[in-house]
PDB file of N, CA and C in Angstrom:
ATOM      1  N   MET A   1     -19.830  21.847  -3.961  1.00  0.00           N
ATOM      2  CA  MET A   1     -18.892  20.766  -4.176  1.00  0.00           C
ATOM      3  C   MET A   1     -17.615  20.991  -3.361  1.00  0.00           C
ATOM      4  N   GLU A   2     -17.211  22.241  -3.301  1.00  0.00           N
ATOM      5  CA  GLU A   2     -15.994  22.584  -2.565  1.00  0.00           C
ATOM      6  C   GLU A   2     -16.178  22.366  -1.067  1.00  0.00           C
ATOM      7  N   ILE A   3     -17.382  22.613  -0.579  1.00  0.00           N
ATOM      8  CA  ILE A   3     -17.675  22.408   0.848  1.00  0.00           C
ATOM      9  C   ILE A   3     -17.605  20.929   1.189  1.00  0.00           C
ATOM     10  N   MET A   4     -18.140  20.089   0.292  1.00  0.00           N
ATOM     11  CA  MET A   4     -18.119  18.647   0.521  1.00  0.00           C
ATOM     12  C   MET A   4     -16.683  18.131   0.553  1.00  0.00           C
ATOM     13  N   LYS A   5     -15.845  18.657  -0.330  1.00  0.00           N
ATOM     14  CA  LYS A   5     -14.440  18.244  -0.358  1.00  0.00           C
ATOM     15  C   LYS A   5     -13.740  18.626   0.940  1.00  0.00           C
ATOM     16  N   SER A   6     -13.997  19.815   1.441  1.00  0.00           N
ATOM     17  CA  SER A   6     -13.354  20.244   2.685  1.00  0.00           C
ATOM     18  C   SER A   6     -13.848  19.436   3.877  1.00  0.00           C
ATOM     19  N   ILE A   7     -15.123  19.043   3.866  1.00  0.00           N
ATOM     20  CA  ILE A   7     -15.645  18.204   4.948  1.00  0.00           C
ATOM     21  C   ILE A   7     -14.990  16.829   4.929  1.00  0.00           C
ATOM     22  N   ILE A   8     -14.872  16.247   3.734  1.00  0.00           N
ATOM     23  CA  ILE A   8     -14.228  14.932   3.603  1.00  0.00           C
ATOM     24  C   ILE A   8     -12.766  15.015   4.003  1.00  0.00           C
ATOM     25  N   ASP A   9     -12.080  16.079   3.581  1.00  0.00           N
ATOM     26  CA  ASP A   9     -10.673  16.263   3.960  1.00  0.00           C
ATOM     27  C   ASP A   9     -10.509  16.367   5.474  1.00  0.00           C
ATOM     28  N   ALA A  10     -11.394  17.120   6.114  1.00  0.00           N
ATOM     29  CA  ALA A  10     -11.321  17.275   7.569  1.00  0.00           C
ATOM     30  C   ALA A  10     -11.594  15.946   8.272  1.00  0.00           C
ATOM     31  N   LEU A  11     -12.556  15.191   7.768  1.00  0.00           N
ATOM     32  CA  LEU A  11     -12.879  13.897   8.359  1.00  0.00           C
ATOM     33  C   LEU A  11     -11.725  12.912   8.208  1.00  0.00           C
ATOM     34  N   LEU A  12     -11.142  12.849   7.018  1.00  0.00           N
ATOM     35  CA  LEU A  12     -10.006  11.952   6.804  1.00  0.00           C
ATOM     36  C   LEU A  12      -8.800  12.371   7.630  1.00  0.00           C
ATOM     37  N   ASP A  13      -8.583  13.664   7.757  1.00  0.00           N
ATOM     38  CA  ASP A  13      -7.485  14.155   8.582  1.00  0.00           C
ATOM     39  C   ASP A  13      -7.681  13.754  10.042  1.00  0.00           C
ATOM     40  N   PHE A  14      -8.912  13.857  10.530  1.00  0.00           N
ATOM     41  CA  PHE A  14      -9.222  13.455  11.901  1.00  0.00           C
ATOM     42  C   PHE A  14      -8.978  11.961  12.103  1.00  0.00           C
ATOM     43  N   VAL A  15      -9.417  11.148  11.149  1.00  0.00           N
ATOM     44  CA  VAL A  15      -9.232   9.698  11.260  1.00  0.00           C
ATOM     45  C   VAL A  15      -7.753   9.336  11.228  1.00  0.00           C
ATOM     46  N   LEU A  16      -6.981   9.973  10.361  1.00  0.00           N
ATOM     47  CA  LEU A  16      -5.549   9.685  10.277  1.00  0.00           C
ATOM     48  C   LEU A  16      -4.806  10.097  11.541  1.00  0.00           C
ATOM     49  N   LYS A  17      -5.260  11.147  12.201  1.00  0.00           N
ATOM     50  CA  LYS A  17      -4.615  11.569  13.450  1.00  0.00           C
ATOM     51  C   LYS A  17      -4.910  10.605  14.590  1.00  0.00           C
ATOM     52  N   LEU A  18      -5.980   9.827  14.476  1.00  0.00           N
ATOM     53  CA  LEU A  18      -6.293   8.834  15.503  1.00  0.00           C
ATOM     54  C   LEU A  18      -5.380   7.608  15.424  1.00  0.00           C
ATOM     55  N   LEU A  19      -4.852   7.354  14.238  1.00  0.00           N
ATOM     56  CA  LEU A  19      -4.001   6.177  14.049  1.00  0.00           C
ATOM     57  C   LEU A  19      -2.646   6.371  14.740  1.00  0.00           C
ATOM     58  N   PRO A  20      -2.042   5.283  15.219  1.00  0.00           N
ATOM     59  CA  PRO A  20      -0.724   5.410  15.851  1.00  0.00           C
ATOM     60  C   PRO A  20       0.363   5.670  14.807  1.00  0.00           C
ATOM     61  N   LEU A  21       1.502   6.153  15.279  1.00  0.00           N
ATOM     62  CA  LEU A  21       2.632   6.375  14.389  1.00  0.00           C
ATOM     63  C   LEU A  21       3.199   5.047  13.923  1.00  0.00           C
ATOM     64  N   SER A  22       3.825   5.063  12.771  1.00  0.00           N
ATOM     65  CA  SER A  22       4.388   3.842  12.209  1.00  0.00           C
ATOM     66  C   SER A  22       5.651   3.446  12.973  1.00  0.00           C
ATOM     67  N   PRO A  23       5.779   2.163  13.335  1.00  0.00           N
ATOM     68  CA  PRO A  23       7.007   1.730  14.012  1.00  0.00           C
ATOM     69  C   PRO A  23       8.185   1.605  13.048  1.00  0.00           C
ATOM     70  N   PHE A  24       7.921   1.693  11.747  1.00  0.00           N
ATOM     71  CA  PHE A  24       8.977   1.510  10.760  1.00  0.00           C
ATOM     72  C   PHE A  24       9.647   2.813  10.351  1.00  0.00           C
ATOM     73  N   ASP A  25       9.141   3.956  10.801  1.00  0.00           N
ATOM     74  CA  ASP A  25       9.734   5.242  10.434  1.00  0.00           C
ATOM     75  C   ASP A  25      11.189   5.334  10.857  1.00  0.00           C
ATOM     76  N   GLU A  26      11.498   4.879  12.046  1.00  0.00           N
ATOM     77  CA  GLU A  26      12.867   4.943  12.556  1.00  0.00           C
ATOM     78  C   GLU A  26      13.790   4.031  11.744  1.00  0.00           C
ATOM     79  N   ILE A  27      13.311   2.860  11.391  1.00  0.00           N
ATOM     80  CA  ILE A  27      14.125   1.913  10.623  1.00  0.00           C
ATOM     81  C   ILE A  27      14.379   2.448   9.217  1.00  0.00           C
ATOM     82  N   ILE A  28      13.337   2.962   8.587  1.00  0.00           N
ATOM     83  CA  ILE A  28      13.473   3.455   7.220  1.00  0.00           C
ATOM     84  C   ILE A  28      14.383   4.684   7.170  1.00  0.00           C
ATOM     85  N   SER A  29      14.269   5.577   8.128  1.00  0.00           N
ATOM     86  CA  SER A  29      15.122   6.765   8.124  1.00  0.00           C
ATOM     87  C   SER A  29      16.579   6.414   8.410  1.00  0.00           C
ATOM     88  N   SER A  30      16.831   5.316   9.135  1.00  0.00           N
ATOM     89  CA  SER A  30      18.214   4.924   9.393  1.00  0.00           C
ATOM     90  C   SER A  30      18.864   4.298   8.157  1.00  0.00           C
ATOM     91  N   LEU A  31      18.072   3.848   7.190  1.00  0.00           N
ATOM     92  CA  LEU A  31      18.631   3.257   5.971  1.00  0.00           C
ATOM     93  C   LEU A  31      19.307   4.300   5.096  1.00  0.00           C
ATOM     94  N   GLU A  32      18.942   5.563   5.249  1.00  0.00           N
ATOM     95  CA  GLU A  32      19.541   6.622   4.438  1.00  0.00           C
ATOM     96  C   GLU A  32      21.017   6.816   4.755  1.00  0.00           C
ATOM     97  N   ASP A  33      21.462   6.386   5.933  1.00  0.00           N
ATOM     98  CA  ASP A  33      22.846   6.598   6.341  1.00  0.00           C
ATOM     99  C   ASP A  33      23.800   5.515   5.837  1.00  0.00           C
ATOM    100  N   MET A  34      23.302   4.520   5.127  1.00  0.00           N
ATOM    101  CA  MET A  34      24.149   3.430   4.639  1.00  0.00           C
ATOM    102  C   MET A  34      24.646   3.758   3.224  1.00  0.00           C
ATOM    103  N   PRO A  35      25.948   4.044   3.072  1.00  0.00           N
ATOM    104  CA  PRO A  35      26.448   4.439   1.752  1.00  0.00           C
ATOM    105  C   PRO A  35      26.502   3.276   0.756  1.00  0.00           C
ATOM    106  N   PHE A  36      26.582   2.040   1.235  1.00  0.00           N
ATOM    107  CA  PHE A  36      26.705   0.896   0.333  1.00  0.00           C
ATOM    108  C   PHE A  36      25.346   0.392  -0.160  1.00  0.00           C
ATOM    109  N   LEU A  37      24.263   0.997   0.279  1.00  0.00           N
ATOM    110  CA  LEU A  37      22.933   0.525  -0.076  1.00  0.00           C
ATOM    111  C   LEU A  37      22.668   0.641  -1.577  1.00  0.00           C
ATOM    112  N   GLY A  38      23.186   1.666  -2.210  1.00  0.00           N
ATOM    113  CA  GLY A  38      23.022   1.820  -3.660  1.00  0.00           C
ATOM    114  C   GLY A  38      23.707   0.707  -4.432  1.00  0.00           C
ATOM    115  N   TYR A  39      24.900   0.297  -3.986  1.00  0.00           N
ATOM    116  CA  TYR A  39      25.601  -0.797  -4.646  1.00  0.00           C
ATOM    117  C   TYR A  39      24.889  -2.124  -4.429  1.00  0.00           C
ATOM    118  N   LEU A  40      24.374  -2.331  -3.231  1.00  0.00           N
ATOM    119  CA  LEU A  40      23.629  -3.550  -2.934  1.00  0.00           C
ATOM    120  C   LEU A  40      22.346  -3.593  -3.757  1.00  0.00           C
ATOM    121  N   ASN A  41      21.697  -2.453  -3.940  1.00  0.00           N
ATOM    122  CA  ASN A  41      20.471  -2.396  -4.719  1.00  0.00           C
ATOM    123  C   ASN A  41      20.738  -2.669  -6.197  1.00  0.00           C
ATOM    124  N   TRP A  42      21.945  -2.445  -6.666  1.00  0.00           N
ATOM    125  CA  TRP A  42      22.281  -2.743  -8.043  1.00  0.00           C
ATOM    126  C   TRP A  42      22.300  -4.255  -8.259  1.00  0.00           C
ATOM    127  N   PHE A  43      22.766  -5.019  -7.271  1.00  0.00           N
ATOM    128  CA  PHE A  43      22.811  -6.482  -7.377  1.00  0.00           C
ATOM    129  C   PHE A  43      21.469  -7.118  -7.000  1.00  0.00           C
ATOM    130  N   ILE A  44      20.793  -6.580  -6.032  1.00  0.00           N
ATOM    131  CA  ILE A  44      19.501  -7.102  -5.562  1.00  0.00           C
ATOM    132  C   ILE A  44      18.493  -5.959  -5.679  1.00  0.00           C
ATOM    133  N   PRO A  45      17.737  -5.900  -6.770  1.00  0.00           N
ATOM    134  CA  PRO A  45      16.838  -4.756  -7.003  1.00  0.00           C
ATOM    135  C   PRO A  45      15.587  -4.806  -6.114  1.00  0.00           C
ATOM    136  N   ILE A  46      15.726  -4.311  -4.905  1.00  0.00           N
ATOM    137  CA  ILE A  46      14.643  -4.366  -3.932  1.00  0.00           C
ATOM    138  C   ILE A  46      13.411  -3.597  -4.414  1.00  0.00           C
ATOM    139  N   GLY A  47      13.618  -2.438  -5.014  1.00  0.00           N
ATOM    140  CA  GLY A  47      12.493  -1.646  -5.510  1.00  0.00           C
ATOM    141  C   GLY A  47      11.671  -2.397  -6.542  1.00  0.00           C
ATOM    142  N   THR A  48      12.354  -3.106  -7.432  1.00  0.00           N
ATOM    143  CA  THR A  48      11.653  -3.921  -8.427  1.00  0.00           C
ATOM    144  C   THR A  48      10.901  -5.057  -7.764  1.00  0.00           C
ATOM    145  N   PHE A  49      11.493  -5.677  -6.760  1.00  0.00           N
ATOM    146  CA  PHE A  49      10.812  -6.752  -6.029  1.00  0.00           C
ATOM    147  C   PHE A  49       9.531  -6.229  -5.381  1.00  0.00           C
ATOM    148  N   ILE A  50       9.592  -5.039  -4.811  1.00  0.00           N
ATOM    149  CA  ILE A  50       8.417  -4.461  -4.157  1.00  0.00           C
ATOM    150  C   ILE A  50       7.332  -4.151  -5.184  1.00  0.00           C
ATOM    151  N   LYS A  51       7.723  -3.611  -6.339  1.00  0.00           N
ATOM    152  CA  LYS A  51       6.738  -3.312  -7.383  1.00  0.00           C
ATOM    153  C   LYS A  51       6.072  -4.586  -7.889  1.00  0.00           C
ATOM    154  N   ILE A  52       6.861  -5.626  -8.141  1.00  0.00           N
ATOM    155  CA  ILE A  52       6.299  -6.901  -8.608  1.00  0.00           C
ATOM    156  C   ILE A  52       5.384  -7.492  -7.548  1.00  0.00           C
ATOM    157  N   GLY A  53       5.791  -7.441  -6.288  1.00  0.00           N
ATOM    158  CA  GLY A  53       4.960  -7.960  -5.201  1.00  0.00           C
ATOM    159  C   GLY A  53       3.652  -7.207  -5.074  1.00  0.00           C
ATOM    160  N   ALA A  54       3.696  -5.892  -5.235  1.00  0.00           N
ATOM    161  CA  ALA A  54       2.474  -5.088  -5.142  1.00  0.00           C
ATOM    162  C   ALA A  54       1.521  -5.403  -6.289  1.00  0.00           C
ATOM    163  N   ILE A  55       2.052  -5.565  -7.492  1.00  0.00           N
ATOM    164  CA  ILE A  55       1.204  -5.910  -8.639  1.00  0.00           C
ATOM    165  C   ILE A  55       0.611  -7.303  -8.450  1.00  0.00           C
ATOM    166  N   TRP A  56       1.402  -8.242  -7.958  1.00  0.00           N
ATOM    167  CA  TRP A  56       0.911  -9.593  -7.701  1.00  0.00           C
ATOM    168  C   TRP A  56      -0.195  -9.572  -6.653  1.00  0.00           C
ATOM    169  N   LEU A  57       0.011  -8.837  -5.563  1.00  0.00           N
ATOM    170  CA  LEU A  57      -0.986  -8.751  -4.507  1.00  0.00           C
ATOM    171  C   LEU A  57      -2.280  -8.114  -5.010  1.00  0.00           C
ATOM    172  N   ALA A  58      -2.166  -7.080  -5.824  1.00  0.00           N
ATOM    173  CA  ALA A  58      -3.359  -6.444  -6.393  1.00  0.00           C
ATOM    174  C   ALA A  58      -4.095  -7.405  -7.316  1.00  0.00           C
ATOM    175  N   SER A  59      -3.367  -8.183  -8.099  1.00  0.00           N
ATOM    176  CA  SER A  59      -3.994  -9.144  -9.000  1.00  0.00           C
ATOM    177  C   SER A  59      -4.729 -10.231  -8.231  1.00  0.00           C
ATOM    178  N   ILE A  60      -4.098 -10.774  -7.202  1.00  0.00           N
ATOM    179  CA  ILE A  60      -4.735 -11.817  -6.399  1.00  0.00           C
ATOM    180  C   ILE A  60      -5.964 -11.265  -5.689  1.00  0.00           C
ATOM    181  N   THR A  61      -5.868 -10.060  -5.147  1.00  0.00           N
ATOM    182  CA  THR A  61      -7.005  -9.438  -4.477  1.00  0.00           C
ATOM    183  C   THR A  61      -8.159  -9.234  -5.449  1.00  0.00           C
ATOM    184  N   LEU A  62      -7.862  -8.747  -6.646  1.00  0.00           N
ATOM    185  CA  LEU A  62      -8.891  -8.544  -7.657  1.00  0.00           C
ATOM    186  C   LEU A  62      -9.538  -9.861  -8.049  1.00  0.00           C
ATOM    187  N   PHE A  63      -8.745 -10.915  -8.202  1.00  0.00           N
ATOM    188  CA  PHE A  63      -9.276 -12.224  -8.546  1.00  0.00           C
ATOM    189  C   PHE A  63     -10.245 -12.729  -7.478  1.00  0.00           C
ATOM    190  N   TYR A  64      -9.852 -12.638  -6.207  1.00  0.00           N
ATOM    191  CA  TYR A  64     -10.718 -13.117  -5.138  1.00  0.00           C
ATOM    192  C   TYR A  64     -11.977 -12.259  -5.001  1.00  0.00           C
ATOM    193  N   MET A  65     -11.858 -10.965  -5.155  1.00  0.00           N
ATOM    194  CA  MET A  65     -13.042 -10.110  -5.088  1.00  0.00           C
ATOM    195  C   MET A  65     -13.996 -10.433  -6.236  1.00  0.00           C
ATOM    196  N   TYR A  66     -13.456 -10.636  -7.418  1.00  0.00           N
ATOM    197  CA  TYR A  66     -14.263 -10.982  -8.585  1.00  0.00           C
ATOM    198  C   TYR A  66     -14.956 -12.324  -8.381  1.00  0.00           C
ATOM    199  N   SER A  67     -14.249 -13.314  -7.839  1.00  0.00           N
ATOM    200  CA  SER A  67     -14.863 -14.623  -7.620  1.00  0.00           C
ATOM    201  C   SER A  67     -15.940 -14.566  -6.534  1.00  0.00           C
ATOM    202  N   ILE A  68     -15.754 -13.742  -5.503  1.00  0.00           N
ATOM    203  CA  ILE A  68     -16.785 -13.584  -4.470  1.00  0.00           C
ATOM    204  C   ILE A  68     -18.040 -12.947  -5.063  1.00  0.00           C
ATOM    205  N   ILE A  69     -17.869 -11.932  -5.884  1.00  0.00           N
ATOM    206  CA  ILE A  69     -19.022 -11.285  -6.513  1.00  0.00           C
ATOM    207  C   ILE A  69     -19.753 -12.268  -7.421  1.00  0.00           C
ATOM    208  N   LEU A  70     -19.016 -13.054  -8.195  1.00  0.00           N
ATOM    209  CA  LEU A  70     -19.659 -14.031  -9.063  1.00  0.00           C
ATOM    210  C   LEU A  70     -20.381 -15.108  -8.266  1.00  0.00           C
ATOM    211  N   ARG A  71     -19.857 -15.472  -7.102  1.00  0.00           N
ATOM    212  CA  ARG A  71     -20.561 -16.442  -6.265  1.00  0.00           C
ATOM    213  C   ARG A  71     -21.842 -15.837  -5.699  1.00  0.00           C
ATOM    214  N   TRP A  72     -21.826 -14.558  -5.381  1.00  0.00           N
ATOM    215  CA  TRP A  72     -23.026 -13.909  -4.865  1.00  0.00           C
ATOM    216  C   TRP A  72     -24.148 -13.899  -5.895  1.00  0.00           C
ATOM    217  N   VAL A  73     -23.773 -13.656  -7.146  1.00  0.00           N
ATOM    218  CA  VAL A  73     -24.798 -13.634  -8.191  1.00  0.00           C
ATOM    219  C   VAL A  73     -25.030 -15.029  -8.771  1.00  0.00           C
ATOM    220  N   LYS A  74     -24.420 -16.016  -8.193  1.00  0.00           N
ATOM    221  CA  LYS A  74     -24.586 -17.423  -8.571  1.00  0.00           C
ATOM    222  C   LYS A  74     -24.149 -17.695 -10.008  1.00  0.00           C
ATOM    223  N   ALA A  75     -23.137 -17.000 -10.479  1.00  0.00           N
ATOM    224  CA  ALA A  75     -22.619 -17.241 -11.811  1.00  0.00           C
ATOM    225  C   ALA A  75     -21.646 -18.423 -11.816  1.00  0.00           C
ATOM    226  N   ILE A  76     -20.958 -18.654 -10.684  1.00  0.00           N
ATOM    227  CA  ILE A  76     -20.050 -19.793 -10.551  1.00  0.00           C
ATOM    228  C   ILE A  76     -20.331 -20.473  -9.226  1.00  0.00           C
ATOM    229  N   GLU A  77     -19.800 -21.687  -9.081  1.00  0.00           N
ATOM    230  CA  GLU A  77     -19.963 -22.415  -7.808  1.00  0.00           C
ATOM    231  C   GLU A  77     -18.701 -22.358  -6.997  1.00  0.00           C
TER     232      GLU A  77
END
């Protein structure tokens, strides 16, 4: 079991190294230098917006996947 895990880890590591670097790393790291960002986040809770958006996106994705599966088995039209 341990050998299989190490093989999968090596394969995933190889695949991730093939991907290009994120263009947003520079932008995100520059946000740390803004001292007023904490005060702005108190009025506009960006983190909460991102969490709500992620939950909404997961729900919509699950709904569409579920409806596709039901169409395959001819449970709905």
